[in-house]
């Protein structure tokens, strides 16, 4: 009966040890998840910044074209008035 109790205690101890969390592995996994999330956030911010810059450049180009068209209209009007 003593042998059964010792074996049972050993099996239970091993079972409990197997259930314990490995904090080093969990911490590494959590750190990796945080780094991946941060990297995703940075990429999204960079893409949003690039998109905003492209929009601003397109708006500026559109304004320049419109201004050039107005200048042509003004020149045509000035020629008609002379």
PDB file of N, CA and C in Angstrom:
ATOM      1  N   UNK A   1       0.810  -1.175   0.000  1.00  0.00           N
ATOM      2  CA  UNK A   1       0.000   0.000   0.000  1.00  0.00           C
ATOM      3  C   UNK A   1       0.860   1.248   0.000  1.00  0.00           C
ATOM      4  N   UNK A   2       2.029   1.174   0.681  1.00  0.00           N
ATOM      5  CA  UNK A   2       2.923   2.320   0.716  1.00  0.00           C
ATOM      6  C   UNK A   2       3.433   2.657  -0.679  1.00  0.00           C
ATOM      7  N   UNK A   3       3.757   1.621  -1.447  1.00  0.00           N
ATOM      8  CA  UNK A   3       4.260   1.841  -2.804  1.00  0.00           C
ATOM      9  C   UNK A   3       3.205   2.545  -3.661  1.00  0.00           C
ATOM     10  N   UNK A   4       1.968   2.155  -3.530  1.00  0.00           N
ATOM     11  CA  UNK A   4       0.890   2.757  -4.301  1.00  0.00           C
ATOM     12  C   UNK A   4       0.741   4.228  -3.927  1.00  0.00           C
ATOM     13  N   UNK A   5       0.833   4.523  -2.645  1.00  0.00           N
ATOM     14  CA  UNK A   5       0.714   5.906  -2.187  1.00  0.00           C
ATOM     15  C   UNK A   5       1.871   6.747  -2.710  1.00  0.00           C
ATOM     16  N   UNK A   6       3.081   6.202  -2.696  1.00  0.00           N
ATOM     17  CA  UNK A   6       4.249   6.938  -3.175  1.00  0.00           C
ATOM     18  C   UNK A   6       4.141   7.171  -4.683  1.00  0.00           C
ATOM     19  N   UNK A   7       3.767   6.136  -5.415  1.00  0.00           N
ATOM     20  CA  UNK A   7       3.625   6.263  -6.862  1.00  0.00           C
ATOM     21  C   UNK A   7       2.519   7.263  -7.188  1.00  0.00           C
ATOM     22  N   UNK A   8       1.413   7.182  -6.460  1.00  0.00           N
ATOM     23  CA  UNK A   8       0.307   8.112  -6.685  1.00  0.00           C
ATOM     24  C   UNK A   8       0.744   9.543  -6.413  1.00  0.00           C
ATOM     25  N   UNK A   9       1.475   9.746  -5.328  1.00  0.00           N
ATOM     26  CA  UNK A   9       1.961  11.089  -4.992  1.00  0.00           C
ATOM     27  C   UNK A   9       2.914  11.594  -6.068  1.00  0.00           C
ATOM     28  N   UNK A  10       3.775  10.716  -6.560  1.00  0.00           N
ATOM     29  CA  UNK A  10       4.727  11.107  -7.610  1.00  0.00           C
ATOM     30  C   UNK A  10       3.994  11.469  -8.896  1.00  0.00           C
ATOM     31  N   UNK A  11       3.000  10.691  -9.267  1.00  0.00           N
ATOM     32  CA  UNK A  11       2.223  10.963 -10.476  1.00  0.00           C
ATOM     33  C   UNK A  11       1.479  12.282 -10.331  1.00  0.00           C
ATOM     34  N   UNK A  12       0.887  12.507  -9.177  1.00  0.00           N
ATOM     35  CA  UNK A  12       0.177  13.768  -8.950  1.00  0.00           C
ATOM     36  C   UNK A  12       1.135  14.958  -9.004  1.00  0.00           C
ATOM     37  N   UNK A  13       2.315  14.802  -8.431  1.00  0.00           N
ATOM     38  CA  UNK A  13       3.300  15.884  -8.450  1.00  0.00           C
ATOM     39  C   UNK A  13       3.731  16.191  -9.876  1.00  0.00           C
ATOM     40  N   UNK A  14       3.962  15.139 -10.663  1.00  0.00           N
ATOM     41  CA  UNK A  14       4.348  15.356 -12.066  1.00  0.00           C
ATOM     42  C   UNK A  14       3.214  15.999 -12.847  1.00  0.00           C
ATOM     43  N   UNK A  15       1.989  15.591 -12.551  1.00  0.00           N
ATOM     44  CA  UNK A  15       0.837  16.176 -13.220  1.00  0.00           C
ATOM     45  C   UNK A  15       0.700  17.655 -12.898  1.00  0.00           C
ATOM     46  N   UNK A  16       0.901  18.000 -11.653  1.00  0.00           N
ATOM     47  CA  UNK A  16       0.835  19.409 -11.250  1.00  0.00           C
ATOM     48  C   UNK A  16       1.972  20.202 -11.878  1.00  0.00           C
ATOM     49  N   UNK A  17       3.146  19.613 -11.937  1.00  0.00           N
ATOM     50  CA  UNK A  17       4.292  20.302 -12.554  1.00  0.00           C
ATOM     51  C   UNK A  17       4.022  20.548 -14.032  1.00  0.00           C
ATOM     52  N   UNK A  18       3.371  19.620 -14.680  1.00  0.00           N
ATOM     53  CA  UNK A  18       3.073  19.781 -16.108  1.00  0.00           C
ATOM     54  C   UNK A  18       2.033  20.878 -16.325  1.00  0.00           C
ATOM     55  N   UNK A  19       1.185  21.112 -15.334  1.00  0.00           N
ATOM     56  CA  UNK A  19       0.152  22.139 -15.471  1.00  0.00           C
ATOM     57  C   UNK A  19       0.666  23.538 -15.168  1.00  0.00           C
ATOM     58  N   UNK A  20       1.798  23.628 -14.493  1.00  0.00           N
ATOM     59  CA  UNK A  20       2.338  24.950 -14.160  1.00  0.00           C
ATOM     60  C   UNK A  20       2.709  25.700 -15.422  1.00  0.00           C
ATOM     61  N   UNK A  21       2.448  26.982 -15.413  1.00  0.00           N
ATOM     62  CA  UNK A  21       2.774  27.807 -16.568  1.00  0.00           C
ATOM     63  C   UNK A  21       4.271  28.050 -16.612  1.00  0.00           C
ATOM     64  N   UNK A  22       4.786  28.054 -17.824  1.00  0.00           N
ATOM     65  CA  UNK A  22       6.188  28.417 -18.010  1.00  0.00           C
ATOM     66  C   UNK A  22       6.215  29.920 -18.269  1.00  0.00           C
ATOM     67  N   UNK A  23       6.510  30.690 -17.235  1.00  0.00           N
ATOM     68  CA  UNK A  23       6.434  32.145 -17.345  1.00  0.00           C
ATOM     69  C   UNK A  23       7.385  32.709 -18.384  1.00  0.00           C
ATOM     70  N   UNK A  24       8.549  32.102 -18.546  1.00  0.00           N
ATOM     71  CA  UNK A  24       9.499  32.608 -19.547  1.00  0.00           C
ATOM     72  C   UNK A  24       8.908  32.487 -20.946  1.00  0.00           C
ATOM     73  N   UNK A  25       8.306  31.351 -21.232  1.00  0.00           N
ATOM     74  CA  UNK A  25       7.683  31.159 -22.553  1.00  0.00           C
ATOM     75  C   UNK A  25       6.485  32.083 -22.736  1.00  0.00           C
ATOM     76  N   UNK A  26       5.664  32.210 -21.692  1.00  0.00           N
ATOM     77  CA  UNK A  26       4.500  33.098 -21.791  1.00  0.00           C
ATOM     78  C   UNK A  26       4.925  34.545 -21.961  1.00  0.00           C
ATOM     79  N   UNK A  27       5.953  34.951 -21.215  1.00  0.00           N
ATOM     80  CA  UNK A  27       6.431  36.327 -21.338  1.00  0.00           C
ATOM     81  C   UNK A  27       6.988  36.585 -22.729  1.00  0.00           C
ATOM     82  N   UNK A  28       7.719  35.623 -23.273  1.00  0.00           N
ATOM     83  CA  UNK A  28       8.266  35.781 -24.626  1.00  0.00           C
ATOM     84  C   UNK A  28       7.149  35.853 -25.649  1.00  0.00           C
ATOM     85  N   UNK A  29       6.124  35.026 -25.482  1.00  0.00           N
ATOM     86  CA  UNK A  29       4.996  35.042 -26.413  1.00  0.00           C
ATOM     87  C   UNK A  29       4.249  36.369 -26.315  1.00  0.00           C
ATOM     88  N   UNK A  30       4.061  36.857 -25.092  1.00  0.00           N
ATOM     89  CA  UNK A  30       3.374  38.138 -24.908  1.00  0.00           C
ATOM     90  C   UNK A  30       4.187  39.277 -25.504  1.00  0.00           C
ATOM     91  N   UNK A  31       5.493  39.243 -25.301  1.00  0.00           N
ATOM     92  CA  UNK A  31       6.352  40.296 -25.852  1.00  0.00           C
ATOM     93  C   UNK A  31       6.311  40.272 -27.379  1.00  0.00           C
ATOM     94  N   UNK A  32       6.326  39.077 -27.950  1.00  0.00           N
ATOM     95  CA  UNK A  32       6.248  38.959 -29.405  1.00  0.00           C
ATOM     96  C   UNK A  32       4.922  39.497 -29.916  1.00  0.00           C
ATOM     97  N   UNK A  33       3.843  39.187 -29.220  1.00  0.00           N
ATOM     98  CA  UNK A  33       2.528  39.679 -29.626  1.00  0.00           C
ATOM     99  C   UNK A  33       2.473  41.201 -29.556  1.00  0.00           C
ATOM    100  N   UNK A  34       3.048  41.773 -28.502  1.00  0.00           N
ATOM    101  CA  UNK A  34       3.067  43.233 -28.364  1.00  0.00           C
ATOM    102  C   UNK A  34       3.891  43.854 -29.486  1.00  0.00           C
ATOM    103  N   UNK A  35       5.047  43.260 -29.781  1.00  0.00           N
ATOM    104  CA  UNK A  35       5.898  43.787 -30.854  1.00  0.00           C
ATOM    105  C   UNK A  35       5.194  43.701 -32.204  1.00  0.00           C
ATOM    106  N   UNK A  36       4.519  42.596 -32.462  1.00  0.00           N
ATOM    107  CA  UNK A  36       3.799  42.445 -33.728  1.00  0.00           C
ATOM    108  C   UNK A  36       2.674  43.456 -33.842  1.00  0.00           C
ATOM    109  N   UNK A  37       1.957  43.667 -32.750  1.00  0.00           N
ATOM    110  CA  UNK A  37       0.868  44.644 -32.763  1.00  0.00           C
ATOM    111  C   UNK A  37       1.416  46.048 -32.977  1.00  0.00           C
ATOM    112  N   UNK A  38       2.507  46.367 -32.299  1.00  0.00           N
ATOM    113  CA  UNK A  38       3.113  47.689 -32.459  1.00  0.00           C
ATOM    114  C   UNK A  38       3.596  47.881 -33.886  1.00  0.00           C
ATOM    115  N   UNK A  39       4.187  46.852 -34.457  1.00  0.00           N
ATOM    116  CA  UNK A  39       4.657  46.931 -35.838  1.00  0.00           C
ATOM    117  C   UNK A  39       3.499  47.155 -36.794  1.00  0.00           C
ATOM    118  N   UNK A  40       2.390  46.464 -36.559  1.00  0.00           N
ATOM    119  CA  UNK A  40       1.201  46.648 -37.393  1.00  0.00           C
ATOM    120  C   UNK A  40       0.676  48.065 -37.271  1.00  0.00           C
ATOM    121  N   UNK A  41       0.653  48.589 -36.036  1.00  0.00           N
ATOM    122  CA  UNK A  41       0.178  49.960 -35.822  1.00  0.00           C
ATOM    123  C   UNK A  41       1.074  50.969 -36.525  1.00  0.00           C
ATOM    124  N   UNK A  42       2.390  50.754 -36.451  1.00  0.00           N
ATOM    125  CA  UNK A  42       3.327  51.671 -37.101  1.00  0.00           C
ATOM    126  C   UNK A  42       3.146  51.626 -38.613  1.00  0.00           C
ATOM    127  N   UNK A  43       2.995  50.435 -39.160  1.00  0.00           N
ATOM    128  CA  UNK A  43       2.779  50.308 -40.610  1.00  0.00           C
ATOM    129  C   UNK A  43       1.491  50.998 -41.039  1.00  0.00           C
ATOM    130  N   UNK A  44       0.441  50.844 -40.255  1.00  0.00           N
ATOM    131  CA  UNK A  44      -0.823  51.495 -40.588  1.00  0.00           C
ATOM    132  C   UNK A  44      -0.674  53.010 -40.538  1.00  0.00           C
ATOM    133  N   UNK A  45       0.047  53.496 -39.537  1.00  0.00           N
ATOM    134  CA  UNK A  45       0.254  54.942 -39.427  1.00  0.00           C
ATOM    135  C   UNK A  45       1.087  55.464 -40.586  1.00  0.00           C
ATOM    136  N   UNK A  46       2.116  54.706 -40.962  1.00  0.00           N
ATOM    137  CA  UNK A  46       2.948  55.127 -42.095  1.00  0.00           C
ATOM    138  C   UNK A  46       2.128  55.137 -43.384  1.00  0.00           C
ATOM    139  N   UNK A  47       1.307  54.118 -43.570  1.00  0.00           N
ATOM    140  CA  UNK A  47       0.472  54.061 -44.774  1.00  0.00           C
ATOM    141  C   UNK A  47      -0.537  55.208 -44.794  1.00  0.00           C
ATOM    142  N   UNK A  48      -1.100  55.526 -43.642  1.00  0.00           N
ATOM    143  CA  UNK A  48      -2.050  56.639 -43.564  1.00  0.00           C
ATOM    144  C   UNK A  48      -1.337  57.949 -43.871  1.00  0.00           C
ATOM    145  N   UNK A  49      -0.101  58.091 -43.361  1.00  0.00           N
ATOM    146  CA  UNK A  49       0.676  59.298 -43.648  1.00  0.00           C
ATOM    147  C   UNK A  49       1.014  59.406 -45.122  1.00  0.00           C
ATOM    148  N   UNK A  50       1.370  58.299 -45.727  1.00  0.00           N
ATOM    149  CA  UNK A  50       1.692  58.298 -47.155  1.00  0.00           C
ATOM    150  C   UNK A  50       0.456  58.641 -47.972  1.00  0.00           C
ATOM    151  N   UNK A  51      -0.685  58.113 -47.556  1.00  0.00           N
ATOM    152  CA  UNK A  51      -1.929  58.398 -48.270  1.00  0.00           C
ATOM    153  C   UNK A  51      -2.293  59.877 -48.134  1.00  0.00           C
ATOM    154  N   UNK A  52      -2.113  60.413 -46.930  1.00  0.00           N
ATOM    155  CA  UNK A  52      -2.416  61.832 -46.719  1.00  0.00           C
ATOM    156  C   UNK A  52      -1.479  62.703 -47.550  1.00  0.00           C
ATOM    157  N   UNK A  53      -0.205  62.321 -47.617  1.00  0.00           N
ATOM    158  CA  UNK A  53       0.756  63.074 -48.429  1.00  0.00           C
ATOM    159  C   UNK A  53       0.394  63.003 -49.908  1.00  0.00           C
ATOM    160  N   UNK A  54      -0.015  61.838 -50.358  1.00  0.00           N
ATOM    161  CA  UNK A  54      -0.409  61.691 -51.765  1.00  0.00           C
ATOM    162  C   UNK A  54      -1.645  62.529 -52.062  1.00  0.00           C
ATOM    163  N   UNK A  55      -2.596  62.532 -51.137  1.00  0.00           N
ATOM    164  CA  UNK A  55      -3.800  63.351 -51.325  1.00  0.00           C
ATOM    165  C   UNK A  55      -3.443  64.831 -51.394  1.00  0.00           C
ATOM    166  N   UNK A  56      -2.557  65.250 -50.509  1.00  0.00           N
ATOM    167  CA  UNK A  56      -2.155  66.663 -50.498  1.00  0.00           C
ATOM    168  C   UNK A  56      -1.447  67.030 -51.796  1.00  0.00           C
ATOM    169  N   UNK A  57      -0.595  66.126 -52.281  1.00  0.00           N
ATOM    170  CA  UNK A  57       0.122  66.393 -53.539  1.00  0.00           C
ATOM    171  C   UNK A  57      -0.863  66.462 -54.713  1.00  0.00           C
ATOM    172  N   UNK A  58      -1.831  65.559 -54.731  1.00  0.00           N
ATOM    173  CA  UNK A  58      -2.834  65.589 -55.806  1.00  0.00           C
ATOM    174  C   UNK A  58      -3.676  66.858 -55.736  1.00  0.00           C
ATOM    175  N   UNK A  59      -4.022  67.261 -54.534  1.00  0.00           N
ATOM    176  CA  UNK A  59      -4.793  68.507 -54.384  1.00  0.00           C
ATOM    177  C   UNK A  59      -3.985  69.705 -54.871  1.00  0.00           C
ATOM    178  N   UNK A  60      -2.705  69.727 -54.505  1.00  0.00           N
ATOM    179  CA  UNK A  60      -1.854  70.837 -54.947  1.00  0.00           C
ATOM    180  C   UNK A  60      -1.729  70.849 -56.465  1.00  0.00           C
ATOM    181  N   UNK A  61      -1.562  69.667 -57.054  1.00  0.00           N
ATOM    182  CA  UNK A  61      -1.463  69.594 -58.519  1.00  0.00           C
ATOM    183  C   UNK A  61      -2.769  70.037 -59.164  1.00  0.00           C
ATOM    184  N   UNK A  62      -3.885  69.613 -58.596  1.00  0.00           N
ATOM    185  CA  UNK A  62      -5.186  70.030 -59.118  1.00  0.00           C
ATOM    186  C   UNK A  62      -5.365  71.535 -59.020  1.00  0.00           C
ATOM    187  N   UNK A  63      -4.921  72.107 -57.918  1.00  0.00           N
ATOM    188  CA  UNK A  63      -5.014  73.562 -57.763  1.00  0.00           C
ATOM    189  C   UNK A  63      -4.137  74.279 -58.776  1.00  0.00           C
ATOM    190  N   UNK A  64      -2.954  73.737 -59.027  1.00  0.00           N
ATOM    191  CA  UNK A  64      -2.049  74.353 -60.000  1.00  0.00           C
ATOM    192  C   UNK A  64      -2.653  74.314 -61.403  1.00  0.00           C
ATOM    193  N   UNK A  65      -3.269  73.200 -61.753  1.00  0.00           N
ATOM    194  CA  UNK A  65      -3.913  73.079 -63.071  1.00  0.00           C
ATOM    195  C   UNK A  65      -5.075  74.068 -63.170  1.00  0.00           C
ATOM    196  N   UNK A  66      -5.850  74.150 -62.105  1.00  0.00           N
ATOM    197  CA  UNK A  66      -6.974  75.095 -62.110  1.00  0.00           C
ATOM    198  C   UNK A  66      -6.478  76.534 -62.237  1.00  0.00           C
ATOM    199  N   UNK A  67      -5.417  76.864 -61.511  1.00  0.00           N
ATOM    200  CA  UNK A  67      -4.849  78.215 -61.598  1.00  0.00           C
ATOM    201  C   UNK A  67      -4.330  78.509 -63.007  1.00  0.00           C
ATOM    202  N   UNK A  68      -3.707  77.502 -63.633  1.00  0.00           N
ATOM    203  CA  UNK A  68      -3.213  77.690 -65.001  1.00  0.00           C
ATOM    204  C   UNK A  68      -4.377  77.910 -65.951  1.00  0.00           C
ATOM    205  N   UNK A  69      -5.459  77.154 -65.766  1.00  0.00           N
ATOM    206  CA  UNK A  69      -6.651  77.339 -66.600  1.00  0.00           C
ATOM    207  C   UNK A  69      -7.230  78.731 -66.429  1.00  0.00           C
ATOM    208  N   UNK A  70      -7.257  79.225 -65.197  1.00  0.00           N
ATOM    209  CA  UNK A  70      -7.751  80.587 -64.947  1.00  0.00           C
ATOM    210  C   UNK A  70      -6.860  81.628 -65.615  1.00  0.00           C
ATOM    211  N   UNK A  71      -5.559  81.375 -65.575  1.00  0.00           N
ATOM    212  CA  UNK A  71      -4.635  82.323 -66.215  1.00  0.00           C
ATOM    213  C   UNK A  71      -4.867  82.361 -67.724  1.00  0.00           C
ATOM    214  N   UNK A  72      -5.105  81.206 -68.314  1.00  0.00           N
ATOM    215  CA  UNK A  72      -5.392  81.159 -69.757  1.00  0.00           C
ATOM    216  C   UNK A  72      -6.690  81.901 -70.052  1.00  0.00           C
ATOM    217  N   UNK A  73      -7.716  81.678 -69.228  1.00  0.00           N
ATOM    218  CA  UNK A  73      -8.990  82.386 -69.411  1.00  0.00           C
ATOM    219  C   UNK A  73      -8.808  83.901 -69.288  1.00  0.00           C
ATOM    220  N   UNK A  74      -8.036  84.303 -68.311  1.00  0.00           N
ATOM    221  CA  UNK A  74      -7.774  85.735 -68.114  1.00  0.00           C
ATOM    222  C   UNK A  74      -7.019  86.331 -69.301  1.00  0.00           C
ATOM    223  N   UNK A  75      -6.063  85.589 -69.803  1.00  0.00           N
ATOM    224  CA  UNK A  75      -5.300  86.076 -70.957  1.00  0.00           C
ATOM    225  C   UNK A  75      -6.197  86.191 -72.184  1.00  0.00           C
ATOM    226  N   UNK A  76      -7.068  85.206 -72.372  1.00  0.00           N
ATOM    227  CA  UNK A  76      -7.993  85.251 -73.501  1.00  0.00           C
ATOM    228  C   UNK A  76      -8.939  86.441 -73.373  1.00  0.00           C
ATOM    229  N   UNK A  77      -9.392  86.679 -72.172  1.00  0.00           N
ATOM    230  CA  UNK A  77     -10.289  87.833 -71.941  1.00  0.00           C
ATOM    231  C   UNK A  77      -9.552  89.148 -72.196  1.00  0.00           C
ATOM    232  N   UNK A  78      -8.304  89.204 -71.801  1.00  0.00           N
ATOM    233  CA  UNK A  78      -7.518  90.431 -72.008  1.00  0.00           C
ATOM    234  C   UNK A  78      -7.309  90.670 -73.482  1.00  0.00           C
ATOM    235  N   UNK A  79      -7.102  89.603 -74.270  1.00  0.00           N
ATOM    236  CA  UNK A  79      -6.913  89.749 -75.713  1.00  0.00           C
ATOM    237  C   UNK A  79      -8.217  90.232 -76.353  1.00  0.00           C
ATOM    238  N   UNK A  80      -9.342  89.725 -75.900  1.00  0.00           N
ATOM    239  CA  UNK A  80     -10.629  90.128 -76.461  1.00  0.00           C
ATOM    240  C   UNK A  80     -10.929  91.607 -76.144  1.00  0.00           C
ATOM    241  N   UNK A  81     -10.487  92.055 -74.996  1.00  0.00           N
ATOM    242  CA  UNK A  81     -10.773  93.412 -74.579  1.00  0.00           C
ATOM    243  C   UNK A  81      -9.901  94.453 -75.287  1.00  0.00           C
ATOM    244  N   UNK A  82      -8.863  94.068 -75.965  1.00  0.00           N
ATOM    245  CA  UNK A  82      -7.961  95.040 -76.605  1.00  0.00           C
ATOM    246  C   UNK A  82      -8.376  95.337 -77.980  1.00  0.00           C
TER     247      UNK A  82
END
